[in-house]
Every structure is written in structure tokens, then in C-alpha cells.
Amino acid sequence: VVSSSWERSECHFINGTEKVRFVDTYIYNRQQYLMFDSDVGHYVGFTPYGERNAKRWNSDPAKMENRRTAVDWLCRYNYELYAPFSVERRGERGA
């Protein structure tokens, strides 16, 4: 049996760089086990393994600073690269 593990980082843009969300997802054997969402501000585990990693990583100030600021140093910084490939939203639903 071949198992696979991977991480997917995404930047979500609303109205250009006015509202930006960074999401980092960790998957093993097609099951999401861990996620960081800049709107939440910390890691959330979805399996026992993910919960252990979330607890460990959430208690690491350097790692948390890196993830929390990814909206600026990764998403906003690279906006011109991402923009042609993104589906940009023009505001919240109903607005």
C-alpha cells in the first residue's frame, strides 16, 4: 500500500489585497489531519495525530509568528503572481 502525505498552502483574496486569508492544509492518505487558517489564528487538528501536532505547533512562538504573518510575506507579497490564476471575490455574500 502506497501512502501519501502532503501540505497545501492557499491564499484567498477578496477585493484585491483588501481582505486576504491564508490556509495551510496537511493531508495523509487523502484525510485532512491538520490545518492552519489565518482567520482562526492557530492550528486545528482533525485526527489524534493532527491534534498532537496542533498542540505542539501552537505552543511554538516562532512557528506561530511565521504562520500568522504569512498573509503579508506570502500572500500579499506574491499577489501579482497569484492574481491571474485566482478567482477573486468582490465582497461578502449578500453585500
Protein backbone atom coordinates (compact mmCIF):
# COMPACT_ATOMS: atom_id res chain seq x y z
CA VAL A 1 0.00 0.00 0.00
CA VAL A 2 1.37 3.36 -1.00
CA SER A 3 0.64 6.21 1.36
CA SER A 4 0.99 9.86 0.56
CA SER A 5 1.40 12.93 2.72
CA TRP A 6 1.33 16.50 1.54
CA GLU A 7 0.81 20.10 2.53
CA ARG A 8 -1.23 22.59 0.54
CA SER A 9 -0.92 26.33 1.13
CA GLU A 10 -3.52 28.66 -0.32
CA CYS A 11 -4.11 32.39 -0.40
CA HIS A 12 -7.67 33.65 -0.74
CA PHE A 13 -8.16 37.24 -1.93
CA ILE A 14 -11.31 39.35 -1.55
CA ASN A 15 -11.29 42.75 -3.29
CA GLY A 16 -7.64 42.52 -4.28
CA THR A 17 -5.50 42.58 -1.17
CA GLU A 18 -8.13 44.29 1.00
CA LYS A 19 -9.11 41.02 2.70
CA VAL A 20 -6.65 38.13 2.49
CA ARG A 21 -6.87 34.69 4.07
CA PHE A 22 -4.04 32.15 4.31
CA VAL A 23 -4.90 28.45 4.69
CA ASP A 24 -2.33 25.69 5.21
CA THR A 25 -3.75 22.15 4.98
CA TYR A 26 -1.99 18.87 5.84
CA ILE A 27 -3.27 15.62 4.33
CA TYR A 28 -2.23 12.00 4.79
CA ASN A 29 -3.81 9.16 2.78
CA ARG A 30 -6.48 11.54 1.47
CA GLN A 31 -7.52 12.54 5.01
CA GLN A 32 -7.03 16.06 6.32
CA TYR A 33 -5.38 15.82 9.71
CA LEU A 34 -4.22 19.37 10.41
CA MET A 35 -4.97 22.90 9.24
CA PHE A 36 -3.90 26.47 9.88
CA ASP A 37 -6.36 29.22 8.91
CA SER A 38 -5.25 32.84 9.33
CA ASP A 39 -8.86 33.80 10.17
CA VAL A 40 -8.72 31.38 13.14
CA GLY A 41 -5.10 32.22 14.02
CA HIS A 42 -3.92 28.79 15.14
CA TYR A 43 -3.59 25.16 14.05
CA VAL A 44 -6.57 22.82 14.38
CA GLY A 45 -6.15 19.04 14.42
CA PHE A 46 -8.75 16.69 12.94
CA THR A 47 -7.20 13.37 13.99
CA PRO A 48 -5.29 12.32 17.12
CA TYR A 49 -2.01 12.81 15.21
CA GLY A 50 -3.18 16.21 13.95
CA GLU A 51 -4.29 17.26 17.43
CA ARG A 52 -0.85 16.39 18.88
CA ASN A 53 0.89 18.41 16.16
CA ALA A 54 -1.54 21.32 16.55
CA LYS A 55 -0.84 21.46 20.29
CA ARG A 56 2.93 21.34 19.73
CA TRP A 57 2.99 23.88 16.89
CA ASN A 58 0.54 26.26 18.59
CA SER A 59 2.92 26.41 21.56
CA ASP A 60 5.89 27.37 19.35
CA PRO A 61 6.03 31.21 19.22
CA ALA A 62 8.35 31.33 16.19
CA LYS A 63 6.21 28.93 14.15
CA MET A 64 3.03 30.81 15.07
CA GLU A 65 4.55 34.18 14.15
CA ASN A 66 5.57 32.71 10.78
CA ARG A 67 2.08 31.34 10.05
CA ARG A 68 0.20 34.39 11.32
CA THR A 69 2.25 36.76 9.17
CA ALA A 70 2.07 34.56 6.03
CA VAL A 71 -0.85 36.72 4.84
CA ASP A 72 1.68 39.53 4.34
CA TRP A 73 5.00 37.85 3.45
CA LEU A 74 3.48 35.14 1.24
CA CYS A 75 0.04 36.16 0.01
CA ARG A 76 0.18 39.94 -0.33
CA TYR A 77 3.83 39.90 -1.40
CA ASN A 78 3.07 37.47 -4.24
CA TYR A 79 -0.35 38.90 -5.16
CA GLU A 80 0.75 39.87 -8.68
CA LEU A 81 1.79 36.25 -9.29
CA TYR A 82 -1.41 34.76 -7.85
CA ALA A 83 -3.91 37.25 -9.31
CA PRO A 84 -4.03 35.89 -12.90
CA PHE A 85 -4.81 32.39 -11.58
CA SER A 86 -7.23 33.26 -8.79
CA VAL A 87 -10.97 33.61 -8.77
CA GLU A 88 -11.34 36.88 -6.96
CA ARG A 89 -14.38 37.58 -4.84
CA ARG A 90 -15.88 41.06 -4.76
CA GLY A 91 -17.16 41.10 -1.20
CA GLU A 92 -19.08 39.00 1.25
CA ARG A 93 -22.28 37.23 0.26
CA GLY A 94 -25.33 39.42 0.36
CA ALA A 95 -23.23 42.60 0.39
